[in-house]
Amino acid sequence: EPVKDYVFSQEVTGQFMEHVDNLLKLILPAYVQEGRSYLTIAIGCTGGRHRSVAIAEALGKSIAAHGYRPRVSHRDINA
């Protein structure tokens, strides 16, 4: 939780999330219209256990808020 709070206290994080959200609003309907069953989005950081986890979780919530069913997984969280 402290890492998440730190990550989202950074101005650039809000800007990043806004840009990604706008991109997803553009491409997700097109993927559905083309009959695609999934879209893979990868978020990385140096260790893969803190910052990227916070961002991925937030993106999952954003995608769900748009009416889609995201599946969020963390490859390196227990590494």
PDB file of N, CA and C in Angstrom:
ATOM      1  N   GLU A   1       0.811  -1.210   0.000  1.00  0.00           N
ATOM      2  CA  GLU A   1       0.000   0.000   0.000  1.00  0.00           C
ATOM      3  C   GLU A   1       0.854   1.274   0.000  1.00  0.00           C
ATOM      4  N   PRO A   2       1.942   1.336   0.774  1.00  0.00           N
ATOM      5  CA  PRO A   2       2.774   2.544   0.717  1.00  0.00           C
ATOM      6  C   PRO A   2       3.367   2.781  -0.676  1.00  0.00           C
ATOM      7  N   VAL A   3       3.745   1.700  -1.362  1.00  0.00           N
ATOM      8  CA  VAL A   3       4.299   1.850  -2.711  1.00  0.00           C
ATOM      9  C   VAL A   3       3.223   2.372  -3.650  1.00  0.00           C
ATOM     10  N   LYS A   4       2.032   1.809  -3.557  1.00  0.00           N
ATOM     11  CA  LYS A   4       0.915   2.269  -4.390  1.00  0.00           C
ATOM     12  C   LYS A   4       0.651   3.751  -4.151  1.00  0.00           C
ATOM     13  N   ASP A   5       0.613   4.147  -2.889  1.00  0.00           N
ATOM     14  CA  ASP A   5       0.384   5.556  -2.565  1.00  0.00           C
ATOM     15  C   ASP A   5       1.478   6.435  -3.156  1.00  0.00           C
ATOM     16  N   TYR A   6       2.729   5.976  -3.067  1.00  0.00           N
ATOM     17  CA  TYR A   6       3.847   6.737  -3.623  1.00  0.00           C
ATOM     18  C   TYR A   6       3.711   6.842  -5.141  1.00  0.00           C
ATOM     19  N   VAL A   7       3.467   5.714  -5.798  1.00  0.00           N
ATOM     20  CA  VAL A   7       3.365   5.695  -7.262  1.00  0.00           C
ATOM     21  C   VAL A   7       2.278   6.664  -7.727  1.00  0.00           C
ATOM     22  N   PHE A   8       1.124   6.617  -7.075  1.00  0.00           N
ATOM     23  CA  PHE A   8       0.009   7.447  -7.520  1.00  0.00           C
ATOM     24  C   PHE A   8       0.071   8.878  -7.002  1.00  0.00           C
ATOM     25  N   SER A   9       1.053   9.172  -6.179  1.00  0.00           N
ATOM     26  CA  SER A   9       1.259  10.564  -5.770  1.00  0.00           C
ATOM     27  C   SER A   9       2.094  11.323  -6.800  1.00  0.00           C
ATOM     28  N   GLN A  10       2.693  10.602  -7.734  1.00  0.00           N
ATOM     29  CA  GLN A  10       3.521  11.213  -8.766  1.00  0.00           C
ATOM     30  C   GLN A  10       2.637  11.740  -9.900  1.00  0.00           C
ATOM     31  N   GLU A  11       2.862  12.966 -10.300  1.00  0.00           N
ATOM     32  CA  GLU A  11       2.060  13.579 -11.364  1.00  0.00           C
ATOM     33  C   GLU A  11       2.128  12.776 -12.655  1.00  0.00           C
ATOM     34  N   VAL A  12       3.305  12.256 -12.967  1.00  0.00           N
ATOM     35  CA  VAL A  12       3.489  11.517 -14.211  1.00  0.00           C
ATOM     36  C   VAL A  12       2.637  10.248 -14.236  1.00  0.00           C
ATOM     37  N   THR A  13       2.366   9.666 -13.083  1.00  0.00           N
ATOM     38  CA  THR A  13       1.531   8.466 -13.040  1.00  0.00           C
ATOM     39  C   THR A  13       0.117   8.785 -13.496  1.00  0.00           C
ATOM     40  N   GLY A  14      -0.427   9.877 -13.025  1.00  0.00           N
ATOM     41  CA  GLY A  14      -1.759  10.287 -13.459  1.00  0.00           C
ATOM     42  C   GLY A  14      -1.809  10.551 -14.951  1.00  0.00           C
ATOM     43  N   GLN A  15      -0.780  11.192 -15.470  1.00  0.00           N
ATOM     44  CA  GLN A  15      -0.713  11.465 -16.906  1.00  0.00           C
ATOM     45  C   GLN A  15      -0.628  10.160 -17.694  1.00  0.00           C
ATOM     46  N   PHE A  16       0.214   9.242 -17.224  1.00  0.00           N
ATOM     47  CA  PHE A  16       0.367   7.944 -17.875  1.00  0.00           C
ATOM     48  C   PHE A  16      -0.969   7.199 -17.897  1.00  0.00           C
ATOM     49  N   MET A  17      -1.636   7.150 -16.749  1.00  0.00           N
ATOM     50  CA  MET A  17      -2.904   6.429 -16.655  1.00  0.00           C
ATOM     51  C   MET A  17      -3.954   7.048 -17.573  1.00  0.00           C
ATOM     52  N   GLU A  18      -3.984   8.354 -17.657  1.00  0.00           N
ATOM     53  CA  GLU A  18      -4.945   9.023 -18.534  1.00  0.00           C
ATOM     54  C   GLU A  18      -4.691   8.665 -19.994  1.00  0.00           C
ATOM     55  N   HIS A  19      -3.430   8.671 -20.404  1.00  0.00           N
ATOM     56  CA  HIS A  19      -3.093   8.323 -21.791  1.00  0.00           C
ATOM     57  C   HIS A  19      -3.437   6.869 -22.099  1.00  0.00           C
ATOM     58  N   VAL A  20      -3.091   5.970 -21.197  1.00  0.00           N
ATOM     59  CA  VAL A  20      -3.390   4.553 -21.421  1.00  0.00           C
ATOM     60  C   VAL A  20      -4.896   4.327 -21.443  1.00  0.00           C
ATOM     61  N   ASP A  21      -5.619   4.976 -20.544  1.00  0.00           N
ATOM     62  CA  ASP A  21      -7.071   4.831 -20.512  1.00  0.00           C
ATOM     63  C   ASP A  21      -7.691   5.315 -21.823  1.00  0.00           C
ATOM     64  N   ASN A  22      -7.214   6.436 -22.336  1.00  0.00           N
ATOM     65  CA  ASN A  22      -7.724   6.933 -23.620  1.00  0.00           C
ATOM     66  C   ASN A  22      -7.418   5.958 -24.747  1.00  0.00           C
ATOM     67  N   LEU A  23      -6.233   5.374 -24.732  1.00  0.00           N
ATOM     68  CA  LEU A  23      -5.870   4.384 -25.746  1.00  0.00           C
ATOM     69  C   LEU A  23      -6.786   3.166 -25.652  1.00  0.00           C
ATOM     70  N   LEU A  24      -7.027   2.692 -24.442  1.00  0.00           N
ATOM     71  CA  LEU A  24      -7.895   1.526 -24.262  1.00  0.00           C
ATOM     72  C   LEU A  24      -9.322   1.815 -24.709  1.00  0.00           C
ATOM     73  N   LYS A  25      -9.821   3.013 -24.436  1.00  0.00           N
ATOM     74  CA  LYS A  25     -11.168   3.381 -24.888  1.00  0.00           C
ATOM     75  C   LYS A  25     -11.254   3.354 -26.411  1.00  0.00           C
ATOM     76  N   LEU A  26     -10.145   3.629 -27.069  1.00  0.00           N
ATOM     77  CA  LEU A  26     -10.103   3.609 -28.528  1.00  0.00           C
ATOM     78  C   LEU A  26     -10.008   2.188 -29.075  1.00  0.00           C
ATOM     79  N   ILE A  27      -9.110   1.382 -28.512  1.00  0.00           N
ATOM     80  CA  ILE A  27      -8.829   0.081 -29.133  1.00  0.00           C
ATOM     81  C   ILE A  27      -9.701  -1.075 -28.645  1.00  0.00           C
ATOM     82  N   LEU A  28     -10.171  -1.044 -27.409  1.00  0.00           N
ATOM     83  CA  LEU A  28     -10.950  -2.184 -26.914  1.00  0.00           C
ATOM     84  C   LEU A  28     -12.216  -2.439 -27.732  1.00  0.00           C
ATOM     85  N   PRO A  29     -13.013  -1.429 -28.054  1.00  0.00           N
ATOM     86  CA  PRO A  29     -14.188  -1.707 -28.890  1.00  0.00           C
ATOM     87  C   PRO A  29     -13.804  -2.285 -30.257  1.00  0.00           C
ATOM     88  N   ALA A  30     -12.695  -1.831 -30.813  1.00  0.00           N
ATOM     89  CA  ALA A  30     -12.249  -2.353 -32.107  1.00  0.00           C
ATOM     90  C   ALA A  30     -11.853  -3.823 -31.993  1.00  0.00           C
ATOM     91  N   TYR A  31     -11.191  -4.192 -30.907  1.00  0.00           N
ATOM     92  CA  TYR A  31     -10.830  -5.596 -30.694  1.00  0.00           C
ATOM     93  C   TYR A  31     -12.082  -6.460 -30.605  1.00  0.00           C
ATOM     94  N   VAL A  32     -13.074  -6.002 -29.881  1.00  0.00           N
ATOM     95  CA  VAL A  32     -14.324  -6.753 -29.744  1.00  0.00           C
ATOM     96  C   VAL A  32     -15.009  -6.870 -31.101  1.00  0.00           C
ATOM     97  N   GLN A  33     -15.064  -5.772 -31.827  1.00  0.00           N
ATOM     98  CA  GLN A  33     -15.715  -5.765 -33.135  1.00  0.00           C
ATOM     99  C   GLN A  33     -15.033  -6.730 -34.102  1.00  0.00           C
ATOM    100  N   GLU A  34     -13.723  -6.873 -33.995  1.00  0.00           N
ATOM    101  CA  GLU A  34     -12.984  -7.792 -34.861  1.00  0.00           C
ATOM    102  C   GLU A  34     -13.088  -9.240 -34.397  1.00  0.00           C
ATOM    103  N   GLY A  35     -13.756  -9.467 -33.273  1.00  0.00           N
ATOM    104  CA  GLY A  35     -13.923 -10.828 -32.780  1.00  0.00           C
ATOM    105  C   GLY A  35     -12.748 -11.355 -31.980  1.00  0.00           C
ATOM    106  N   ARG A  36     -11.880 -10.473 -31.571  1.00  0.00           N
ATOM    107  CA  ARG A  36     -10.726 -10.898 -30.762  1.00  0.00           C
ATOM    108  C   ARG A  36     -11.214 -11.290 -29.373  1.00  0.00           C
ATOM    109  N   SER A  37     -10.621 -12.346 -28.833  1.00  0.00           N
ATOM    110  CA  SER A  37     -11.078 -12.822 -27.525  1.00  0.00           C
ATOM    111  C   SER A  37     -10.247 -12.273 -26.376  1.00  0.00           C
ATOM    112  N   TYR A  38      -9.063 -11.742 -26.673  1.00  0.00           N
ATOM    113  CA  TYR A  38      -8.257 -11.175 -25.590  1.00  0.00           C
ATOM    114  C   TYR A  38      -7.245 -10.180 -26.138  1.00  0.00           C
ATOM    115  N   LEU A  39      -6.765  -9.351 -25.248  1.00  0.00           N
ATOM    116  CA  LEU A  39      -5.715  -8.372 -25.528  1.00  0.00           C
ATOM    117  C   LEU A  39      -4.723  -8.471 -24.384  1.00  0.00           C
ATOM    118  N   THR A  40      -3.467  -8.626 -24.698  1.00  0.00           N
ATOM    119  CA  THR A  40      -2.440  -8.693 -23.664  1.00  0.00           C
ATOM    120  C   THR A  40      -1.791  -7.326 -23.514  1.00  0.00           C
ATOM    121  N   ILE A  41      -1.741  -6.860 -22.284  1.00  0.00           N
ATOM    122  CA  ILE A  41      -1.080  -5.598 -21.951  1.00  0.00           C
ATOM    123  C   ILE A  41      -0.038  -5.920 -20.898  1.00  0.00           C
ATOM    124  N   ALA A  42       1.189  -5.513 -21.115  1.00  0.00           N
ATOM    125  CA  ALA A  42       2.259  -5.781 -20.147  1.00  0.00           C
ATOM    126  C   ALA A  42       2.790  -4.467 -19.591  1.00  0.00           C
ATOM    127  N   ILE A  43       2.947  -4.437 -18.289  1.00  0.00           N
ATOM    128  CA  ILE A  43       3.500  -3.276 -17.593  1.00  0.00           C
ATOM    129  C   ILE A  43       4.722  -3.766 -16.836  1.00  0.00           C
ATOM    130  N   GLY A  44       5.825  -3.089 -16.982  1.00  0.00           N
ATOM    131  CA  GLY A  44       7.038  -3.529 -16.299  1.00  0.00           C
ATOM    132  C   GLY A  44       7.724  -2.404 -15.551  1.00  0.00           C
ATOM    133  N   CYS A  45       8.513  -2.796 -14.593  1.00  0.00           N
ATOM    134  CA  CYS A  45       9.393  -1.881 -13.877  1.00  0.00           C
ATOM    135  C   CYS A  45      10.647  -2.678 -13.520  1.00  0.00           C
ATOM    136  N   THR A  46      11.572  -2.087 -12.846  1.00  0.00           N
ATOM    137  CA  THR A  46      12.857  -2.727 -12.584  1.00  0.00           C
ATOM    138  C   THR A  46      12.720  -4.090 -11.925  1.00  0.00           C
ATOM    139  N   GLY A  47      11.924  -4.197 -10.877  1.00  0.00           N
ATOM    140  CA  GLY A  47      11.806  -5.464 -10.166  1.00  0.00           C
ATOM    141  C   GLY A  47      10.540  -6.246 -10.468  1.00  0.00           C
ATOM    142  N   GLY A  48       9.500  -5.566 -10.911  1.00  0.00           N
ATOM    143  CA  GLY A  48       8.254  -6.230 -11.245  1.00  0.00           C
ATOM    144  C   GLY A  48       7.405  -6.619 -10.050  1.00  0.00           C
ATOM    145  N   ARG A  49       7.698  -6.041  -8.890  1.00  0.00           N
ATOM    146  CA  ARG A  49       6.953  -6.450  -7.699  1.00  0.00           C
ATOM    147  C   ARG A  49       6.264  -5.298  -6.981  1.00  0.00           C
ATOM    148  N   HIS A  50       6.467  -4.081  -7.436  1.00  0.00           N
ATOM    149  CA  HIS A  50       5.906  -2.948  -6.701  1.00  0.00           C
ATOM    150  C   HIS A  50       5.187  -1.969  -7.619  1.00  0.00           C
ATOM    151  N   ARG A  51       5.961  -1.149  -8.344  1.00  0.00           N
ATOM    152  CA  ARG A  51       5.347  -0.117  -9.183  1.00  0.00           C
ATOM    153  C   ARG A  51       4.470  -0.710 -10.271  1.00  0.00           C
ATOM    154  N   SER A  52       4.986  -1.700 -10.990  1.00  0.00           N
ATOM    155  CA  SER A  52       4.195  -2.281 -12.078  1.00  0.00           C
ATOM    156  C   SER A  52       2.941  -2.966 -11.551  1.00  0.00           C
ATOM    157  N   VAL A  53       3.020  -3.534 -10.359  1.00  0.00           N
ATOM    158  CA  VAL A  53       1.850  -4.167  -9.752  1.00  0.00           C
ATOM    159  C   VAL A  53       0.770  -3.121  -9.489  1.00  0.00           C
ATOM    160  N   ALA A  54       1.154  -1.993  -8.933  1.00  0.00           N
ATOM    161  CA  ALA A  54       0.192  -0.922  -8.652  1.00  0.00           C
ATOM    162  C   ALA A  54      -0.465  -0.427  -9.936  1.00  0.00           C
ATOM    163  N   ILE A  55       0.335  -0.224 -10.971  1.00  0.00           N
ATOM    164  CA  ILE A  55      -0.194   0.253 -12.253  1.00  0.00           C
ATOM    165  C   ILE A  55      -1.110  -0.794 -12.879  1.00  0.00           C
ATOM    166  N   ALA A  56      -0.674  -2.057 -12.902  1.00  0.00           N
ATOM    167  CA  ALA A  56      -1.477  -3.126 -13.508  1.00  0.00           C
ATOM    168  C   ALA A  56      -2.821  -3.277 -12.803  1.00  0.00           C
ATOM    169  N   GLU A  57      -2.821  -3.221 -11.493  1.00  0.00           N
ATOM    170  CA  GLU A  57      -4.076  -3.330 -10.744  1.00  0.00           C
ATOM    171  C   GLU A  57      -5.011  -2.169 -11.078  1.00  0.00           C
ATOM    172  N   ALA A  58      -4.464  -0.971 -11.165  1.00  0.00           N
ATOM    173  CA  ALA A  58      -5.283   0.195 -11.498  1.00  0.00           C
ATOM    174  C   ALA A  58      -5.833   0.090 -12.922  1.00  0.00           C
ATOM    175  N   LEU A  59      -5.009  -0.389 -13.855  1.00  0.00           N
ATOM    176  CA  LEU A  59      -5.489  -0.564 -15.227  1.00  0.00           C
ATOM    177  C   LEU A  59      -6.595  -1.612 -15.281  1.00  0.00           C
ATOM    178  N   GLY A  60      -6.444  -2.676 -14.506  1.00  0.00           N
ATOM    179  CA  GLY A  60      -7.490  -3.693 -14.455  1.00  0.00           C
ATOM    180  C   GLY A  60      -8.812  -3.107 -13.992  1.00  0.00           C
ATOM    181  N   LYS A  61      -8.762  -2.272 -12.977  1.00  0.00           N
ATOM    182  CA  LYS A  61      -9.981  -1.627 -12.474  1.00  0.00           C
ATOM    183  C   LYS A  61     -10.578  -0.688 -13.523  1.00  0.00           C
ATOM    184  N   SER A  62      -9.711   0.017 -14.227  1.00  0.00           N
ATOM    185  CA  SER A  62     -10.177   0.929 -15.269  1.00  0.00           C
ATOM    186  C   SER A  62     -10.851   0.160 -16.405  1.00  0.00           C
ATOM    187  N   ILE A  63     -10.238  -0.939 -16.811  1.00  0.00           N
ATOM    188  CA  ILE A  63     -10.810  -1.765 -17.881  1.00  0.00           C
ATOM    189  C   ILE A  63     -12.165  -2.321 -17.445  1.00  0.00           C
ATOM    190  N   ALA A  64     -12.256  -2.783 -16.211  1.00  0.00           N
ATOM    191  CA  ALA A  64     -13.527  -3.298 -15.690  1.00  0.00           C
ATOM    192  C   ALA A  64     -14.588  -2.200 -15.667  1.00  0.00           C
ATOM    193  N   ALA A  65     -14.182  -0.985 -15.343  1.00  0.00           N
ATOM    194  CA  ALA A  65     -15.123   0.135 -15.297  1.00  0.00           C
ATOM    195  C   ALA A  65     -15.699   0.447 -16.678  1.00  0.00           C
ATOM    196  N   HIS A  66     -14.982   0.042 -17.732  1.00  0.00           N
ATOM    197  CA  HIS A  66     -15.465   0.241 -19.099  1.00  0.00           C
ATOM    198  C   HIS A  66     -16.325  -0.931 -19.567  1.00  0.00           C
ATOM    199  N   GLY A  67     -16.580  -1.889 -18.667  1.00  0.00           N
ATOM    200  CA  GLY A  67     -17.482  -2.988 -19.001  1.00  0.00           C
ATOM    201  C   GLY A  67     -16.811  -4.243 -19.523  1.00  0.00           C
ATOM    202  N   TYR A  68     -15.509  -4.325 -19.420  1.00  0.00           N
ATOM    203  CA  TYR A  68     -14.781  -5.512 -19.868  1.00  0.00           C
ATOM    204  C   TYR A  68     -14.380  -6.348 -18.653  1.00  0.00           C
ATOM    205  N   ARG A  69     -13.934  -7.571 -18.900  1.00  0.00           N
ATOM    206  CA  ARG A  69     -13.539  -8.472 -17.812  1.00  0.00           C
ATOM    207  C   ARG A  69     -12.030  -8.705 -17.859  1.00  0.00           C
ATOM    208  N   PRO A  70     -11.270  -7.876 -17.187  1.00  0.00           N
ATOM    209  CA  PRO A  70      -9.813  -8.051 -17.222  1.00  0.00           C
ATOM    210  C   PRO A  70      -9.366  -9.217 -16.346  1.00  0.00           C
ATOM    211  N   ARG A  71      -8.246  -9.796 -16.717  1.00  0.00           N
ATOM    212  CA  ARG A  71      -7.580 -10.790 -15.876  1.00  0.00           C
ATOM    213  C   ARG A  71      -6.186 -10.243 -15.640  1.00  0.00           C
ATOM    214  N   VAL A  72      -5.899  -9.870 -14.432  1.00  0.00           N
ATOM    215  CA  VAL A  72      -4.608  -9.278 -14.085  1.00  0.00           C
ATOM    216  C   VAL A  72      -3.753 -10.348 -13.429  1.00  0.00           C
ATOM    217  N   SER A  73      -2.548 -10.526 -13.941  1.00  0.00           N
ATOM    218  CA  SER A  73      -1.609 -11.459 -13.310  1.00  0.00           C
ATOM    219  C   SER A  73      -0.257 -10.768 -13.191  1.00  0.00           C
ATOM    220  N   HIS A  74       0.515 -11.212 -12.225  1.00  0.00           N
ATOM    221  CA  HIS A  74       1.807 -10.600 -11.933  1.00  0.00           C
ATOM    222  C   HIS A  74       2.889 -11.669 -12.016  1.00  0.00           C
ATOM    223  N   ARG A  75       3.681 -11.614 -13.071  1.00  0.00           N
ATOM    224  CA  ARG A  75       4.686 -12.633 -13.328  1.00  0.00           C
ATOM    225  C   ARG A  75       5.755 -12.697 -12.255  1.00  0.00           C
ATOM    226  N   ASP A  76       6.230 -11.559 -11.783  1.00  0.00           N
ATOM    227  CA  ASP A  76       7.397 -11.533 -10.906  1.00  0.00           C
ATOM    228  C   ASP A  76       7.099 -11.167  -9.461  1.00  0.00           C
ATOM    229  N   ILE A  77       5.846 -11.120  -9.079  1.00  0.00           N
ATOM    230  CA  ILE A  77       5.517 -10.609  -7.747  1.00  0.00           C
ATOM    231  C   ILE A  77       6.115 -11.469  -6.633  1.00  0.00           C
ATOM    232  N   ASN A  78       6.274 -12.747  -6.849  1.00  0.00           N
ATOM    233  CA  ASN A  78       6.832 -13.633  -5.823  1.00  0.00           C
ATOM    234  C   ASN A  78       8.261 -14.056  -6.124  1.00  0.00           C
ATOM    235  N   ALA A  79       8.896 -13.368  -7.057  1.00  0.00           N
ATOM    236  CA  ALA A  79      10.273 -13.739  -7.444  1.00  0.00           C
ATOM    237  C   ALA A  79      11.275 -13.290  -6.407  1.00  0.00           C
TER     238      ALA A  79
END
